[in-house]
């Protein structure tokens, strides 16, 4: 989505319409010598545990807290413990998590079983009250997304001469 490009340093106008995972992998692989990023354009919930096990480090480029939470749960489920209840370091899949919300961004490395996991740090994310237009137009995932889509995108398109009134039951 062109509206995202101002905060997406890997993407250019020619990349609009291409899967983000594929474009990001191509850019990183071409810029970082010795790095091999394997893109996967799919729903994280549909990937097998064997898919996740094959990587040494997971670099997340996920668009939602729900997807990050799911991958976090997979990482925690892969942990193995010794007889004393200590995490076996060889079973840890470090996760590099980064994302943006508006013009704010974050990046961090999570070592499941050693550092606080994603789920343990959800309080760091402010409650979401506004949604990026790219999410509303391309991948609405919740009821709130659908309501905002109807209000911000569909209403002006389908009823350009009518002002939206949230107190009017016919407009809801």
Protein backbone atom coordinates (compact mmCIF):
# COMPACT_ATOMS: atom_id res chain seq x y z
CA UNK A 1 0.00 0.00 0.00
CA UNK A 2 1.47 3.35 -1.03
CA UNK A 3 0.28 4.99 2.21
CA UNK A 4 2.76 2.78 4.12
CA UNK A 5 5.89 3.67 2.18
CA UNK A 6 6.79 6.72 4.28
CA UNK A 7 7.61 4.43 7.23
CA UNK A 8 8.88 1.36 5.40
CA UNK A 9 12.58 1.74 4.66
CA UNK A 10 12.84 -1.51 2.67
CA UNK A 11 9.99 -0.84 0.27
CA UNK A 12 9.72 1.36 -2.82
CA UNK A 13 6.75 2.28 -5.03
CA UNK A 14 7.69 -0.53 -7.45
CA UNK A 15 7.14 -3.02 -4.59
CA UNK A 16 3.48 -2.13 -4.03
CA UNK A 17 1.33 -5.22 -4.54
CA UNK A 18 4.17 -7.68 -3.90
CA UNK A 19 4.27 -9.79 -0.71
CA UNK A 20 6.15 -7.88 2.00
CA UNK A 21 8.01 -11.02 3.10
CA UNK A 22 9.42 -11.62 -0.38
CA UNK A 23 10.46 -8.00 -0.96
CA UNK A 24 12.03 -7.68 2.50
CA UNK A 25 14.00 -10.91 2.06
CA UNK A 26 15.30 -9.80 -1.34
CA UNK A 27 16.41 -6.43 0.03
CA UNK A 28 18.11 -7.84 3.14
CA UNK A 29 19.80 -10.65 1.20
CA UNK A 30 21.19 -8.15 -1.31
CA UNK A 31 22.38 -5.67 1.36
CA UNK A 32 23.77 -7.88 4.13
CA UNK A 33 26.71 -9.99 3.05
CA UNK A 34 26.49 -13.59 4.26
CA UNK A 35 22.87 -13.26 5.34
CA UNK A 36 20.24 -15.62 3.97
CA UNK A 37 16.66 -14.63 4.70
CA UNK A 38 14.00 -17.15 3.74
CA UNK A 39 10.68 -15.43 3.10
CA UNK A 40 7.41 -17.11 3.88
CA UNK A 41 4.20 -15.47 2.68
CA UNK A 42 1.57 -17.36 4.68
CA UNK A 43 -0.53 -17.21 7.83
CA UNK A 44 1.72 -18.07 10.76
CA UNK A 45 -1.00 -20.28 12.25
CA UNK A 46 -0.93 -22.52 9.17
CA UNK A 47 2.78 -23.36 9.34
CA UNK A 48 3.87 -26.65 10.89
CA UNK A 49 6.13 -26.99 13.91
CA UNK A 50 8.70 -28.55 11.60
CA UNK A 51 8.73 -25.34 9.60
CA UNK A 52 9.58 -23.34 12.73
CA UNK A 53 12.15 -25.87 13.98
CA UNK A 54 14.32 -25.60 10.86
CA UNK A 55 15.55 -22.07 11.62
CA UNK A 56 18.22 -20.96 14.08
CA UNK A 57 16.83 -17.43 14.50
CA UNK A 58 13.37 -16.10 13.73
CA UNK A 59 13.06 -12.58 12.32
CA UNK A 60 9.46 -11.48 12.61
CA UNK A 61 7.90 -9.04 10.19
CA UNK A 62 4.39 -9.48 11.46
CA UNK A 63 1.54 -6.99 11.20
CA UNK A 64 -0.44 -7.82 14.30
CA UNK A 65 -0.13 -8.47 18.01
CA UNK A 66 -2.18 -11.64 17.48
CA UNK A 67 0.34 -13.07 15.00
CA UNK A 68 3.28 -12.16 17.23
CA UNK A 69 1.53 -13.80 20.19
CA UNK A 70 1.00 -16.97 18.19
CA UNK A 71 4.66 -17.20 17.12
CA UNK A 72 5.67 -16.51 20.72
CA UNK A 73 3.55 -19.45 21.87
CA UNK A 74 5.22 -21.69 19.27
CA UNK A 75 8.67 -20.62 20.43
CA UNK A 76 7.77 -21.34 24.05
CA UNK A 77 6.26 -24.72 23.12
CA UNK A 78 9.55 -25.79 21.50
CA UNK A 79 11.55 -25.26 24.69
CA UNK A 80 13.05 -28.34 26.28
CA UNK A 81 14.08 -28.61 29.92
CA UNK A 82 16.68 -30.60 31.82
CA UNK A 83 15.87 -32.74 34.88
CA UNK A 84 16.27 -29.69 37.15
CA UNK A 85 13.70 -27.68 35.21
CA UNK A 86 16.26 -25.44 33.48
CA UNK A 87 15.80 -24.50 29.84
CA UNK A 88 18.05 -26.41 27.46
CA UNK A 89 19.77 -23.53 25.57
CA UNK A 90 19.93 -25.59 22.38
CA UNK A 91 16.12 -25.56 22.20
CA UNK A 92 15.86 -21.75 22.25
CA UNK A 93 14.86 -20.05 19.00
CA UNK A 94 15.81 -16.36 19.39
CA UNK A 95 13.19 -14.05 17.92
CA UNK A 96 13.99 -10.63 16.48
CA UNK A 97 10.75 -8.69 16.72
CA UNK A 98 10.17 -5.29 15.24
CA UNK A 99 7.26 -3.26 14.11
CA UNK A 100 5.69 0.11 13.67
CA UNK A 101 2.55 1.72 14.93
CA UNK A 102 2.01 5.00 13.13
CA UNK A 103 5.37 6.78 13.32
CA UNK A 104 6.56 4.88 16.39
CA UNK A 105 8.66 1.78 16.08
CA UNK A 106 10.30 -0.88 18.20
CA UNK A 107 12.88 -3.61 17.82
CA UNK A 108 13.99 -6.21 20.32
CA UNK A 109 15.43 -9.69 20.64
CA UNK A 110 13.50 -12.23 22.68
CA UNK A 111 15.14 -15.40 24.00
CA UNK A 112 12.20 -17.62 25.02
CA UNK A 113 12.83 -19.16 28.40
CA UNK A 114 15.58 -16.66 29.24
CA UNK A 115 14.14 -13.17 28.68
CA UNK A 116 10.56 -12.00 29.07
CA UNK A 117 8.55 -13.42 26.18
CA UNK A 118 6.31 -11.41 23.89
CA UNK A 119 3.18 -12.29 25.87
CA UNK A 120 4.86 -11.16 29.10
CA UNK A 121 5.51 -7.71 27.65
CA UNK A 122 2.16 -6.95 26.03
CA UNK A 123 1.74 -4.10 28.50
CA UNK A 124 4.42 -2.21 26.49
CA UNK A 125 1.93 -1.79 23.64
CA UNK A 126 -0.58 1.03 24.07
CA UNK A 127 -4.23 0.15 23.48
CA UNK A 128 -4.98 0.50 19.80
CA UNK A 129 -7.64 3.08 19.05
CA UNK A 130 -6.73 3.87 15.44
CA UNK A 131 -5.98 1.40 12.68
CA UNK A 132 -3.66 1.82 9.69
CA UNK A 133 -5.61 2.25 6.46
CA UNK A 134 -3.57 -0.55 4.90
CA UNK A 135 -4.92 -2.96 7.53
CA UNK A 136 -8.48 -1.77 7.06
CA UNK A 137 -8.35 -1.93 3.26
CA UNK A 138 -6.24 -5.06 2.77
CA UNK A 139 -6.41 -7.33 5.81
CA UNK A 140 -9.23 -6.49 8.24
CA UNK A 141 -8.98 -9.12 11.00
CA UNK A 142 -11.37 -7.99 13.70
CA UNK A 143 -14.87 -6.59 14.09
CA UNK A 144 -13.33 -3.20 14.92
CA UNK A 145 -11.43 -3.28 11.61
CA UNK A 146 -14.66 -3.98 9.70
CA UNK A 147 -16.51 -1.16 11.45
CA UNK A 148 -13.69 1.29 10.73
CA UNK A 149 -13.56 0.09 7.11
CA UNK A 150 -17.27 0.79 6.72
CA UNK A 151 -16.92 4.20 8.36
CA UNK A 152 -13.67 5.44 6.78
CA UNK A 153 -13.61 3.75 3.38
CA UNK A 154 -16.95 2.30 2.29
CA UNK A 155 -19.22 5.11 3.52
CA UNK A 156 -17.46 7.95 1.64
CA UNK A 157 -17.18 5.78 -1.46
CA UNK A 158 -20.78 4.55 -1.50
CA UNK A 159 -22.55 7.57 -0.01
CA UNK A 160 -20.45 10.63 -0.85
CA UNK A 161 -23.36 13.04 -0.37
CA UNK A 162 -24.38 11.75 3.08
CA UNK A 163 -22.55 12.71 6.26
CA UNK A 164 -21.97 9.72 8.53
CA UNK A 165 -23.85 9.93 11.85
CA UNK A 166 -22.85 7.35 14.47
CA UNK A 167 -26.03 8.16 16.43
CA UNK A 168 -28.28 7.26 13.49
CA UNK A 169 -29.21 3.53 13.62
CA UNK A 170 -29.64 3.48 9.83
CA UNK A 171 -25.99 4.46 9.48
CA UNK A 172 -24.80 1.65 11.69
